[in-house]
N, C-alpha and C. Protein backbone atom coordinates (compact mmCIF):
# COMPACT_ATOMS: atom_id res chain seq x y z
N MET A 1 180.12 -37.62 -102.77
CA MET A 1 179.19 -36.55 -102.29
C MET A 1 178.33 -37.19 -101.45
N LYS A 2 177.76 -38.11 -101.54
CA LYS A 2 176.69 -38.49 -100.72
C LYS A 2 177.17 -38.99 -99.35
N TYR A 3 178.50 -39.42 -99.34
CA TYR A 3 179.09 -39.62 -97.83
C TYR A 3 179.73 -38.29 -97.00
N SER A 4 180.09 -37.12 -98.21
CA SER A 4 180.33 -35.79 -97.24
C SER A 4 178.85 -35.38 -96.46
N SER A 5 177.81 -35.55 -97.42
CA SER A 5 176.72 -34.61 -96.74
C SER A 5 176.15 -35.53 -95.65
N ILE A 6 176.54 -36.62 -95.27
CA ILE A 6 175.93 -37.81 -94.23
C ILE A 6 177.22 -37.35 -93.37
N ILE A 7 178.34 -37.29 -93.64
CA ILE A 7 179.49 -36.60 -92.61
C ILE A 7 178.94 -35.68 -92.30
N LEU A 8 178.63 -34.51 -92.90
CA LEU A 8 178.15 -32.68 -92.63
C LEU A 8 176.77 -33.05 -91.53
N ALA A 9 175.82 -34.25 -91.96
CA ALA A 9 174.66 -33.68 -91.23
C ALA A 9 175.07 -35.00 -89.49
N SER A 10 175.96 -35.86 -89.79
CA SER A 10 176.14 -36.11 -88.53
C SER A 10 177.15 -35.63 -87.57
N LEU A 11 178.39 -34.58 -88.19
CA LEU A 11 178.92 -33.33 -87.74
C LEU A 11 177.93 -32.09 -87.14
N ILE A 12 176.91 -31.85 -87.35
CA ILE A 12 176.31 -31.01 -87.55
C ILE A 12 175.19 -31.52 -86.03
N LEU A 13 174.57 -32.65 -86.13
CA LEU A 13 173.73 -33.12 -84.97
C LEU A 13 174.83 -33.61 -83.70
N ILE A 14 175.95 -33.94 -84.06
CA ILE A 14 176.97 -34.41 -82.83
C ILE A 14 177.19 -32.85 -82.00
N ILE A 15 177.34 -31.82 -83.14
CA ILE A 15 177.98 -30.61 -82.42
C ILE A 15 176.78 -29.72 -81.62
N SER A 16 175.42 -29.93 -82.24
CA SER A 16 174.54 -29.52 -81.59
C SER A 16 173.84 -29.95 -80.31
N ALA A 17 174.48 -31.35 -80.24
CA ALA A 17 174.00 -31.96 -79.08
C ALA A 17 174.49 -31.93 -77.79
N GLY A 18 176.02 -31.70 -78.40
CA GLY A 18 176.90 -31.07 -77.17
C GLY A 18 176.37 -29.70 -76.99
N LEU A 19 176.02 -28.57 -77.59
CA LEU A 19 175.95 -27.64 -77.16
C LEU A 19 174.42 -27.65 -75.88
N LEU A 20 173.53 -28.37 -76.56
CA LEU A 20 172.21 -28.57 -75.93
C LEU A 20 172.74 -29.08 -74.39
N SER A 21 173.28 -30.11 -74.19
CA SER A 21 173.92 -30.58 -73.04
C SER A 21 174.68 -29.81 -72.21
N CYS A 22 175.41 -28.98 -72.49
CA CYS A 22 176.17 -28.49 -71.68
C CYS A 22 175.24 -27.08 -70.75
N LYS A 23 175.24 -27.54 -69.68
CA LYS A 23 174.63 -26.62 -68.89
C LYS A 23 175.14 -25.32 -68.69
N LYS A 24 174.08 -24.04 -68.68
CA LYS A 24 174.67 -22.96 -68.48
C LYS A 24 174.89 -22.39 -66.84
N GLN A 25 176.34 -22.14 -66.69
CA GLN A 25 176.63 -21.59 -65.36
C GLN A 25 176.90 -20.46 -65.32
N PRO A 26 176.37 -20.23 -63.95
CA PRO A 26 176.42 -18.33 -63.11
C PRO A 26 178.16 -17.93 -63.55
N ALA A 27 177.94 -16.66 -64.08
CA ALA A 27 179.39 -15.98 -63.87
C ALA A 27 180.41 -16.22 -62.45
N ILE A 28 179.56 -15.88 -61.45
CA ILE A 28 180.06 -15.97 -60.06
C ILE A 28 179.59 -17.50 -59.46
N ASP A 29 180.74 -18.05 -58.74
CA ASP A 29 180.22 -19.16 -58.05
C ASP A 29 179.46 -18.87 -57.00
N GLU A 30 178.34 -19.44 -56.87
CA GLU A 30 177.16 -19.83 -56.18
C GLU A 30 177.77 -19.21 -54.36
N LYS A 31 178.63 -19.94 -53.64
CA LYS A 31 179.22 -19.77 -52.46
C LYS A 31 179.33 -18.56 -52.34
N LYS A 32 180.55 -17.62 -53.45
CA LYS A 32 181.02 -16.52 -53.70
C LYS A 32 179.73 -15.53 -53.72
N PHE A 33 178.48 -15.52 -54.57
CA PHE A 33 177.60 -14.83 -54.76
C PHE A 33 176.64 -14.63 -53.31
N ILE A 34 176.58 -15.92 -52.62
CA ILE A 34 175.86 -15.69 -51.24
C ILE A 34 176.72 -14.54 -50.42
N LYS A 35 177.98 -14.80 -50.21
CA LYS A 35 178.60 -13.74 -49.69
C LYS A 35 178.42 -12.33 -50.48
N ILE A 36 178.30 -12.05 -51.37
CA ILE A 36 178.07 -11.01 -52.11
C ILE A 36 176.93 -10.32 -51.50
N TYR A 37 175.83 -11.02 -51.97
CA TYR A 37 174.72 -10.72 -51.62
C TYR A 37 174.25 -10.60 -50.22
N ALA A 38 174.61 -11.20 -49.07
CA ALA A 38 174.77 -10.98 -47.55
C ALA A 38 175.63 -9.84 -47.23
N ASP A 39 176.61 -9.53 -47.95
CA ASP A 39 177.43 -7.88 -47.51
C ASP A 39 176.16 -6.80 -48.10
N MET A 40 175.77 -7.26 -48.98
CA MET A 40 174.99 -6.26 -49.83
C MET A 40 174.02 -6.02 -48.98
N ILE A 41 173.28 -6.91 -48.50
CA ILE A 41 171.94 -6.99 -47.35
C ILE A 41 172.54 -6.11 -46.09
N PHE A 42 174.07 -6.41 -45.34
CA PHE A 42 174.34 -5.68 -44.56
C PHE A 42 174.57 -4.29 -44.74
N MET A 43 175.28 -4.00 -45.67
CA MET A 43 175.45 -2.44 -46.05
C MET A 43 174.29 -1.79 -46.44
N GLN A 44 173.15 -2.18 -46.73
CA GLN A 44 172.37 -1.50 -46.88
C GLN A 44 171.39 -1.14 -45.51
N ASP A 45 171.38 -2.30 -44.69
CA ASP A 45 171.07 -1.74 -43.25
C ASP A 45 171.91 -0.88 -42.28
N THR A 46 173.32 -0.89 -42.59
CA THR A 46 173.99 -0.18 -41.90
C THR A 46 174.69 0.85 -42.51
N SER A 47 174.92 1.30 -43.71
CA SER A 47 175.17 2.65 -44.55
C SER A 47 174.50 3.24 -44.98
N SER A 48 174.74 4.49 -45.44
CA SER A 48 174.28 5.77 -46.22
C SER A 48 174.62 5.78 -47.64
N TYR A 49 175.01 4.87 -47.93
CA TYR A 49 175.25 4.64 -49.44
C TYR A 49 174.05 4.74 -50.08
N SER A 50 174.02 4.87 -51.43
CA SER A 50 172.85 4.45 -52.34
C SER A 50 173.29 3.25 -52.77
N GLN A 51 172.21 2.73 -53.36
CA GLN A 51 172.07 0.96 -54.01
C GLN A 51 173.15 0.83 -54.69
N SER A 52 173.48 2.03 -55.44
CA SER A 52 174.62 1.67 -56.68
C SER A 52 176.26 1.72 -55.93
N GLU A 53 176.08 2.47 -54.91
CA GLU A 53 177.58 2.82 -53.96
C GLU A 53 177.90 1.30 -53.33
N ILE A 54 176.40 0.61 -52.78
CA ILE A 54 176.70 -0.27 -52.65
C ILE A 54 177.11 -1.57 -53.19
N LYS A 55 176.77 -1.72 -54.21
CA LYS A 55 176.77 -2.69 -55.16
C LYS A 55 178.14 -2.79 -55.62
N LEU A 56 178.52 -1.57 -56.19
CA LEU A 56 180.21 -1.00 -56.53
C LEU A 56 181.18 -1.64 -55.61
N THR A 57 181.17 -0.72 -54.17
CA THR A 57 181.63 -1.26 -52.83
C THR A 57 181.96 -2.71 -52.85
N VAL A 58 180.98 -3.33 -52.52
CA VAL A 58 180.68 -5.12 -52.45
C VAL A 58 181.71 -5.66 -53.44
N LEU A 59 181.33 -5.29 -54.74
CA LEU A 59 181.57 -6.23 -55.87
C LEU A 59 183.47 -5.89 -56.03
N LYS A 60 183.84 -4.98 -55.41
CA LYS A 60 185.22 -4.27 -55.43
C LYS A 60 185.89 -5.08 -54.33
N LYS A 61 185.28 -5.24 -53.48
CA LYS A 61 185.84 -5.99 -52.14
C LYS A 61 185.85 -7.37 -52.48
N PHE A 62 184.94 -8.17 -53.36
CA PHE A 62 185.20 -9.57 -53.97
C PHE A 62 186.02 -9.68 -55.40
N ASN A 63 186.19 -8.38 -55.57
CA ASN A 63 187.15 -8.68 -56.94
C ASN A 63 186.31 -9.21 -58.12
N VAL A 64 185.10 -8.74 -58.02
CA VAL A 64 184.14 -9.06 -59.32
C VAL A 64 183.57 -8.05 -60.18
N LYS A 65 183.67 -8.22 -61.69
CA LYS A 65 183.46 -7.04 -62.27
C LYS A 65 181.98 -7.19 -62.52
N GLU A 66 181.27 -5.81 -62.61
CA GLU A 66 179.97 -5.48 -62.86
C GLU A 66 179.25 -6.55 -64.09
N PHE A 67 179.54 -7.13 -64.88
CA PHE A 67 178.92 -7.34 -65.89
C PHE A 67 178.67 -9.06 -65.36
N GLU A 68 180.15 -9.64 -64.54
CA GLU A 68 180.00 -11.06 -64.00
C GLU A 68 178.78 -11.14 -63.20
N TYR A 69 178.39 -9.87 -61.89
CA TYR A 69 177.07 -9.38 -60.93
C TYR A 69 176.02 -9.48 -62.25
N ASP A 70 176.12 -9.14 -62.98
CA ASP A 70 174.85 -9.20 -64.25
C ASP A 70 174.79 -10.36 -64.76
N GLU A 71 175.35 -10.77 -65.07
CA GLU A 71 175.03 -12.33 -66.09
C GLU A 71 174.68 -12.84 -64.56
N THR A 72 175.33 -13.62 -63.65
CA THR A 72 174.89 -14.07 -62.61
C THR A 72 173.19 -13.69 -62.49
N ILE A 73 172.73 -12.39 -62.31
CA ILE A 73 171.38 -12.18 -61.89
C ILE A 73 170.88 -13.11 -63.03
N LYS A 74 171.13 -12.58 -64.14
CA LYS A 74 170.26 -13.25 -65.65
C LYS A 74 170.18 -14.56 -64.90
N TYR A 75 171.32 -15.61 -64.78
CA TYR A 75 171.43 -16.97 -64.79
C TYR A 75 170.04 -17.13 -63.49
N TYR A 76 170.19 -16.77 -62.49
CA TYR A 76 169.19 -16.86 -61.68
C TYR A 76 167.75 -16.43 -62.02
N ASN A 77 167.51 -15.56 -62.92
CA ASN A 77 166.50 -15.11 -63.20
C ASN A 77 165.71 -15.96 -64.11
N ASP A 78 166.75 -16.79 -64.85
CA ASP A 78 166.31 -17.71 -65.34
C ASP A 78 165.50 -18.75 -65.26
N ASP A 79 165.33 -18.84 -63.97
CA ASP A 79 164.80 -20.19 -63.42
C ASP A 79 164.17 -19.70 -61.71
N PRO A 80 163.52 -19.08 -61.39
CA PRO A 80 162.58 -18.82 -59.99
C PRO A 80 162.94 -19.49 -58.94
N GLU A 81 163.11 -21.07 -59.56
CA GLU A 81 163.16 -22.07 -58.50
C GLU A 81 165.13 -21.86 -57.65
N ARG A 82 165.74 -21.39 -58.62
CA ARG A 82 166.96 -21.06 -58.46
C ARG A 82 167.21 -20.13 -57.03
N TRP A 83 166.54 -18.72 -57.32
CA TRP A 83 166.14 -18.02 -56.32
C TRP A 83 166.22 -18.54 -55.09
N GLN A 84 164.86 -19.47 -55.19
CA GLN A 84 164.34 -19.77 -53.64
C GLN A 84 165.38 -20.48 -53.15
N LYS A 85 166.24 -21.37 -53.78
CA LYS A 85 167.44 -22.08 -53.19
C LYS A 85 168.32 -21.14 -52.42
N PHE A 86 168.41 -20.20 -53.33
CA PHE A 86 169.92 -19.40 -53.24
C PHE A 86 169.54 -18.93 -52.45
N PHE A 87 167.93 -18.14 -51.73
CA PHE A 87 167.74 -17.02 -50.83
C PHE A 87 168.04 -18.02 -49.63
N ASP A 88 167.77 -19.40 -49.53
CA ASP A 88 167.74 -20.48 -48.52
C ASP A 88 168.73 -20.40 -48.24
N GLU A 89 170.09 -20.38 -48.80
CA GLU A 89 171.25 -20.76 -48.92
C GLU A 89 171.62 -19.16 -48.21
N VAL A 90 171.53 -18.15 -48.55
CA VAL A 90 171.91 -16.65 -47.83
C VAL A 90 171.10 -16.92 -46.19
N ILE A 91 170.47 -17.29 -45.99
CA ILE A 91 169.63 -17.62 -44.66
C ILE A 91 170.47 -18.12 -44.09
N VAL A 92 170.61 -19.05 -44.32
CA VAL A 92 171.56 -20.33 -43.23
C VAL A 92 173.08 -19.12 -43.16
N TYR A 93 173.46 -18.86 -44.39
CA TYR A 93 175.08 -18.04 -44.20
C TYR A 93 174.87 -17.10 -43.10
N ILE A 94 173.73 -16.27 -43.32
CA ILE A 94 173.33 -15.49 -42.34
C ILE A 94 173.26 -15.95 -40.83
N GLU A 95 172.58 -16.70 -40.82
CA GLU A 95 172.46 -17.38 -39.10
C GLU A 95 173.88 -17.53 -38.93
N ASN A 96 174.34 -18.49 -39.59
CA ASN A 96 175.82 -18.85 -39.16
C ASN A 96 176.94 -17.74 -38.54
N LEU A 97 176.62 -16.60 -39.46
CA LEU A 97 177.35 -15.44 -38.75
C LEU A 97 177.42 -14.73 -37.90
N ASN A 98 175.91 -15.29 -37.38
CA ASN A 98 175.16 -14.33 -35.99
C ASN A 98 174.68 -15.63 -35.27
N PRO A 99 176.02 -16.60 -34.20
CA PRO A 99 175.39 -17.60 -33.58
C PRO A 99 174.33 -17.39 -32.94
N LYS A 100 173.46 -18.15 -32.74
CA LYS A 100 172.28 -18.13 -31.42
C LYS A 100 173.11 -17.81 -29.93
N PRO A 101 172.48 -17.25 -28.98
CA PRO A 101 172.94 -17.09 -27.91
C PRO A 101 173.20 -18.71 -26.80
N LYS A 102 174.21 -18.99 -26.30
CA LYS A 102 173.65 -20.18 -25.43
C LYS A 102 172.85 -20.26 -24.37
N LYS A 103 172.28 -21.39 -23.91
CA LYS A 103 171.25 -21.44 -22.91
C LYS A 103 171.42 -20.59 -21.80
N SER A 104 172.80 -20.48 -21.33
CA SER A 104 173.68 -19.68 -20.33
C SER A 104 173.18 -18.30 -20.49
N ASP A 105 173.61 -17.48 -21.98
CA ASP A 105 173.24 -16.54 -22.18
C ASP A 105 171.82 -16.10 -22.08
N VAL A 106 171.02 -16.80 -22.59
CA VAL A 106 169.34 -16.39 -22.40
C VAL A 106 169.01 -16.56 -21.29
N LYS A 107 169.56 -17.17 -19.73
CA LYS A 107 169.05 -17.16 -18.97
C LYS A 107 169.51 -15.58 -18.16
N SER A 108 170.72 -15.38 -18.45
CA SER A 108 171.36 -13.69 -18.20
C SER A 108 170.20 -12.93 -18.89
N LEU A 109 169.98 -13.07 -19.72
CA LEU A 109 169.28 -11.55 -20.76
C LEU A 109 167.86 -11.68 -19.84
N GLN A 110 167.37 -13.14 -19.64
CA GLN A 110 165.84 -12.99 -19.21
C GLN A 110 166.10 -12.54 -17.79
N LEU A 111 167.16 -12.19 -17.04
CA LEU A 111 167.19 -11.96 -15.37
C LEU A 111 167.47 -10.31 -15.62
N GLN A 112 167.65 -9.86 -16.53
CA GLN A 112 168.44 -8.38 -16.85
C GLN A 112 166.83 -7.49 -16.81
N PRO A 113 166.59 -6.46 -15.89
CA PRO A 113 165.35 -5.83 -15.82
C PRO A 113 165.07 -5.02 -16.96
């Protein structure tokens, strides 16, 4: 009896430690979520769709379910520093989509009336 309670207590301790050591992960991979978020930004600026239509359209494009998107938002909301890092990555991603003009392009742009 004494040994079974020690074994049970040890087992509970091991399981608890295992569960606490597991890091929570977002439902959507960060790289994919960056692309989704960037697409939503572009669609807000270029389409006449409502916010919910934009969300559904982009999620369909990336084959993501709405609950996965919502869970990922919750994951980022749990730690505001995650959002800051995420937004920095989105900016880098968008800047890489729109390359800066070459020096020769800048000169020709300045010469135009």
